[in-house]
């Protein structure tokens, strides 16, 4: 899998944008933002690599398999958002 530096930069920016949108829509603290970004980057490049491996080309943009990469970034980014663990009930603020 050969990928040039401009595609690497574009893909990483796209994955970062997906992670930022997940955080913008669902909210949370800084930890959730970091987890959403990191997991979106991992999911984006994993989705791209898996699509390349199995010759699945959906919405290809240059050398990046953007369809599978987008799907991977959203799914894994949401998983990272969930695993950040800020969904605990505050016992002092229960009504």
N, C-alpha and C. Protein backbone atom coordinates (compact mmCIF):
# COMPACT_ATOMS: atom_id res chain seq x y z
N UNK A 1 0.85 -1.17 0.00
CA UNK A 1 0.00 0.00 0.00
C UNK A 1 0.89 1.24 0.00
N UNK A 2 0.98 1.86 -1.15
CA UNK A 2 1.76 3.08 -1.25
C UNK A 2 0.84 4.28 -1.14
N UNK A 3 1.25 5.24 -0.34
CA UNK A 3 0.46 6.45 -0.18
C UNK A 3 1.44 7.62 -0.08
N UNK A 4 1.16 8.67 -0.78
CA UNK A 4 2.03 9.84 -0.80
C UNK A 4 1.73 10.73 0.41
N UNK A 5 2.66 11.61 0.69
CA UNK A 5 2.53 12.51 1.84
C UNK A 5 1.27 13.39 1.73
N UNK A 6 0.94 13.96 0.56
CA UNK A 6 -0.29 14.77 0.51
C UNK A 6 -1.56 13.97 0.84
N UNK A 7 -1.62 12.72 0.39
CA UNK A 7 -2.79 11.90 0.74
C UNK A 7 -2.81 11.58 2.22
N UNK A 8 -1.65 11.37 2.80
CA UNK A 8 -1.56 11.10 4.24
C UNK A 8 -2.05 12.31 5.03
N UNK A 9 -1.63 13.49 4.62
CA UNK A 9 -2.06 14.71 5.30
C UNK A 9 -3.56 14.92 5.13
N UNK A 10 -4.06 14.77 3.89
CA UNK A 10 -5.49 14.95 3.63
C UNK A 10 -6.33 13.94 4.41
N UNK A 11 -5.90 12.69 4.41
CA UNK A 11 -6.64 11.66 5.13
C UNK A 11 -6.65 11.91 6.63
N UNK A 12 -5.52 12.34 7.16
CA UNK A 12 -5.46 12.63 8.60
C UNK A 12 -6.32 13.83 8.96
N UNK A 13 -6.35 14.84 8.10
CA UNK A 13 -7.23 15.99 8.34
C UNK A 13 -8.70 15.59 8.25
N UNK A 14 -9.04 14.75 7.29
CA UNK A 14 -10.42 14.28 7.17
C UNK A 14 -10.82 13.47 8.40
N UNK A 15 -9.93 12.60 8.87
CA UNK A 15 -10.23 11.81 10.06
C UNK A 15 -10.36 12.70 11.29
N UNK A 16 -9.51 13.72 11.38
CA UNK A 16 -9.61 14.67 12.49
C UNK A 16 -10.91 15.45 12.45
N UNK A 17 -11.36 15.80 11.26
CA UNK A 17 -12.63 16.49 11.12
C UNK A 17 -13.79 15.60 11.55
N UNK A 18 -13.73 14.32 11.19
CA UNK A 18 -14.78 13.39 11.59
C UNK A 18 -14.81 13.26 13.12
N UNK A 19 -13.65 13.12 13.74
CA UNK A 19 -13.58 13.04 15.20
C UNK A 19 -14.07 14.31 15.87
N UNK A 20 -13.77 15.46 15.27
CA UNK A 20 -14.22 16.73 15.83
C UNK A 20 -15.74 16.88 15.72
N UNK A 21 -16.30 16.43 14.62
CA UNK A 21 -17.76 16.50 14.45
C UNK A 21 -18.45 15.57 15.45
N UNK A 22 -17.88 14.40 15.68
CA UNK A 22 -18.44 13.49 16.69
C UNK A 22 -18.47 14.19 18.04
N UNK A 23 -17.38 14.85 18.39
CA UNK A 23 -17.32 15.55 19.67
C UNK A 23 -18.27 16.75 19.69
N UNK A 24 -18.38 17.46 18.58
CA UNK A 24 -19.26 18.62 18.51
C UNK A 24 -20.73 18.22 18.69
N UNK A 25 -21.12 17.12 18.07
CA UNK A 25 -22.51 16.68 18.14
C UNK A 25 -22.84 16.08 19.51
N UNK A 26 -21.95 15.27 20.04
CA UNK A 26 -22.25 14.54 21.27
C UNK A 26 -21.77 15.24 22.54
N UNK A 27 -20.86 16.20 22.41
CA UNK A 27 -20.39 16.94 23.57
C UNK A 27 -19.40 16.16 24.40
N UNK A 28 -19.04 16.73 25.53
CA UNK A 28 -18.11 16.07 26.43
C UNK A 28 -16.92 16.96 26.77
N UNK A 29 -16.05 16.41 27.56
CA UNK A 29 -14.87 17.15 28.01
C UNK A 29 -13.70 16.90 27.07
N UNK A 30 -12.55 17.41 27.45
CA UNK A 30 -11.34 17.32 26.63
C UNK A 30 -10.92 15.87 26.41
N UNK A 31 -11.10 15.02 27.38
CA UNK A 31 -10.73 13.61 27.25
C UNK A 31 -11.52 12.95 26.12
N UNK A 32 -12.80 13.27 26.03
CA UNK A 32 -13.62 12.70 24.95
C UNK A 32 -13.19 13.22 23.59
N UNK A 33 -12.76 14.47 23.52
CA UNK A 33 -12.27 15.01 22.26
C UNK A 33 -11.01 14.27 21.81
N UNK A 34 -10.09 14.08 22.75
CA UNK A 34 -8.84 13.38 22.43
C UNK A 34 -9.13 11.95 21.98
N UNK A 35 -9.97 11.25 22.71
CA UNK A 35 -10.30 9.87 22.35
C UNK A 35 -11.01 9.82 21.00
N UNK A 36 -11.93 10.74 20.74
CA UNK A 36 -12.62 10.76 19.45
C UNK A 36 -11.64 11.00 18.31
N UNK A 37 -10.71 11.91 18.48
CA UNK A 37 -9.74 12.20 17.43
C UNK A 37 -8.81 11.01 17.18
N UNK A 38 -8.24 10.48 18.23
CA UNK A 38 -7.28 9.38 18.07
C UNK A 38 -7.96 8.14 17.47
N UNK A 39 -9.12 7.80 17.99
CA UNK A 39 -9.81 6.62 17.48
C UNK A 39 -10.34 6.85 16.06
N UNK A 40 -10.70 8.07 15.72
CA UNK A 40 -11.11 8.36 14.34
C UNK A 40 -9.95 8.19 13.38
N UNK A 41 -8.76 8.65 13.77
CA UNK A 41 -7.57 8.45 12.93
C UNK A 41 -7.29 6.97 12.74
N UNK A 42 -7.36 6.22 13.82
CA UNK A 42 -7.11 4.77 13.73
C UNK A 42 -8.16 4.12 12.84
N UNK A 43 -9.43 4.45 13.04
CA UNK A 43 -10.51 3.87 12.25
C UNK A 43 -10.43 4.26 10.78
N UNK A 44 -10.03 5.49 10.50
CA UNK A 44 -9.92 5.95 9.12
C UNK A 44 -8.88 5.14 8.37
N UNK A 45 -7.69 5.03 8.93
CA UNK A 45 -6.62 4.32 8.23
C UNK A 45 -6.84 2.82 8.25
N UNK A 46 -7.50 2.30 9.28
CA UNK A 46 -7.83 0.86 9.28
C UNK A 46 -8.87 0.56 8.21
N UNK A 47 -9.89 1.41 8.09
CA UNK A 47 -10.90 1.22 7.05
C UNK A 47 -10.29 1.31 5.66
N UNK A 48 -9.39 2.24 5.48
CA UNK A 48 -8.70 2.37 4.19
C UNK A 48 -7.86 1.13 3.89
N UNK A 49 -7.13 0.64 4.89
CA UNK A 49 -6.27 -0.53 4.68
C UNK A 49 -7.09 -1.80 4.42
N UNK A 50 -8.18 -1.97 5.15
CA UNK A 50 -9.02 -3.15 4.95
C UNK A 50 -9.68 -3.11 3.56
N UNK A 51 -10.13 -1.94 3.15
CA UNK A 51 -10.71 -1.81 1.81
C UNK A 51 -9.67 -2.09 0.74
N UNK A 52 -8.47 -1.63 0.93
CA UNK A 52 -7.39 -1.92 -0.01
C UNK A 52 -7.09 -3.41 -0.06
N UNK A 53 -7.06 -4.03 1.09
CA UNK A 53 -6.72 -5.45 1.18
C UNK A 53 -7.74 -6.32 0.45
N UNK A 54 -9.01 -5.99 0.58
CA UNK A 54 -10.06 -6.80 -0.02
C UNK A 54 -10.61 -6.20 -1.32
N UNK A 55 -9.91 -5.25 -1.88
CA UNK A 55 -10.28 -4.61 -3.16
C UNK A 55 -11.70 -4.08 -3.15
N UNK A 56 -12.06 -3.43 -2.08
CA UNK A 56 -13.38 -2.81 -1.95
C UNK A 56 -13.21 -1.32 -2.21
N UNK A 57 -13.68 -0.85 -3.35
CA UNK A 57 -13.49 0.54 -3.73
C UNK A 57 -14.84 1.24 -3.81
N UNK A 58 -15.16 1.97 -2.79
CA UNK A 58 -16.39 2.74 -2.74
C UNK A 58 -16.01 4.18 -2.42
N UNK A 59 -16.36 5.10 -3.29
CA UNK A 59 -16.03 6.52 -3.16
C UNK A 59 -14.53 6.70 -2.97
N UNK A 60 -13.82 6.32 -3.98
CA UNK A 60 -12.37 6.45 -3.96
C UNK A 60 -12.00 7.88 -4.31
N UNK A 61 -11.11 8.47 -3.54
CA UNK A 61 -10.64 9.83 -3.76
C UNK A 61 -9.13 9.78 -3.89
N UNK A 62 -8.64 9.75 -5.11
CA UNK A 62 -7.21 9.56 -5.33
C UNK A 62 -6.83 8.14 -4.96
N UNK A 63 -5.89 8.00 -4.06
CA UNK A 63 -5.49 6.66 -3.61
C UNK A 63 -6.18 6.26 -2.31
N UNK A 64 -7.01 7.14 -1.78
CA UNK A 64 -7.68 6.86 -0.50
C UNK A 64 -9.06 6.27 -0.78
N UNK A 65 -9.36 5.15 -0.16
CA UNK A 65 -10.70 4.55 -0.22
C UNK A 65 -11.57 5.26 0.81
N UNK A 66 -12.15 6.36 0.38
CA UNK A 66 -12.80 7.26 1.32
C UNK A 66 -14.08 6.69 1.92
N UNK A 67 -14.81 5.89 1.18
CA UNK A 67 -16.06 5.33 1.70
C UNK A 67 -15.82 4.43 2.90
N UNK A 68 -14.92 3.47 2.74
CA UNK A 68 -14.61 2.56 3.84
C UNK A 68 -13.86 3.28 4.96
N UNK A 69 -13.01 4.23 4.59
CA UNK A 69 -12.27 4.98 5.60
C UNK A 69 -13.21 5.84 6.43
N UNK A 70 -14.19 6.47 5.80
CA UNK A 70 -15.18 7.27 6.51
C UNK A 70 -15.99 6.40 7.47
N UNK A 71 -16.43 5.25 6.98
CA UNK A 71 -17.20 4.32 7.82
C UNK A 71 -16.37 3.88 9.02
N UNK A 72 -15.11 3.51 8.79
CA UNK A 72 -14.24 3.09 9.88
C UNK A 72 -14.00 4.20 10.88
N UNK A 73 -13.81 5.43 10.39
CA UNK A 73 -13.57 6.55 11.29
C UNK A 73 -14.78 6.85 12.16
N UNK A 74 -15.97 6.77 11.59
CA UNK A 74 -17.18 7.06 12.37
C UNK A 74 -17.41 5.97 13.41
N UNK A 75 -17.32 4.72 13.00
CA UNK A 75 -17.60 3.62 13.94
C UNK A 75 -16.56 3.58 15.06
N UNK A 76 -15.30 3.61 14.71
CA UNK A 76 -14.24 3.54 15.73
C UNK A 76 -14.17 4.84 16.52
N UNK A 77 -14.48 5.98 15.89
CA UNK A 77 -14.53 7.25 16.63
C UNK A 77 -15.63 7.26 17.68
N UNK A 78 -16.79 6.72 17.33
CA UNK A 78 -17.87 6.61 18.32
C UNK A 78 -17.50 5.65 19.45
N UNK A 79 -16.79 4.59 19.10
CA UNK A 79 -16.31 3.67 20.12
C UNK A 79 -15.34 4.38 21.06
N UNK A 80 -14.44 5.17 20.51
CA UNK A 80 -13.50 5.94 21.33
C UNK A 80 -14.21 6.95 22.21
N UNK A 81 -15.26 7.57 21.68
CA UNK A 81 -16.06 8.50 22.47
C UNK A 81 -16.71 7.79 23.64
N UNK A 82 -17.24 6.59 23.39
CA UNK A 82 -17.91 5.83 24.43
C UNK A 82 -16.91 5.31 25.47
N UNK A 83 -15.75 4.88 25.02
CA UNK A 83 -14.78 4.28 25.94
C UNK A 83 -14.09 5.33 26.82
N UNK A 84 -14.26 6.61 26.49
CA UNK A 84 -13.67 7.67 27.32
C UNK A 84 -14.23 7.64 28.73
N UNK A 85 -15.44 7.11 28.91
CA UNK A 85 -15.96 6.82 30.24
C UNK A 85 -16.52 7.98 31.02
N UNK A 86 -16.98 9.01 30.37
CA UNK A 86 -17.59 10.12 31.09
C UNK A 86 -19.08 9.92 31.27
N UNK A 87 -19.57 8.71 31.09
CA UNK A 87 -21.00 8.48 31.18
C UNK A 87 -21.41 7.93 32.55
N UNK A 88 -20.66 8.23 33.56
CA UNK A 88 -20.99 7.78 34.91
C UNK A 88 -21.97 8.76 35.55
N UNK A 89 -22.87 8.26 36.36
CA UNK A 89 -23.86 9.10 37.04
C UNK A 89 -23.19 9.74 38.25
N UNK A 90 -23.39 11.05 38.36
CA UNK A 90 -22.85 11.80 39.50
C UNK A 90 -23.78 11.56 40.70
N UNK A 91 -23.28 10.94 41.76
CA UNK A 91 -24.11 10.56 42.90
C UNK A 91 -24.53 11.78 43.72
N UNK A 92 -23.78 12.88 43.66
CA UNK A 92 -24.14 14.07 44.42
C UNK A 92 -25.22 14.87 43.74
N UNK A 93 -25.42 14.66 42.44
CA UNK A 93 -26.33 15.50 41.67
C UNK A 93 -27.58 14.71 41.23
N UNK A 94 -27.91 13.65 41.92
CA UNK A 94 -29.08 12.84 41.58
C UNK A 94 -30.31 13.49 42.20
N UNK A 95 -31.36 13.60 41.39
CA UNK A 95 -32.59 14.24 41.90
C UNK A 95 -33.53 13.25 42.50
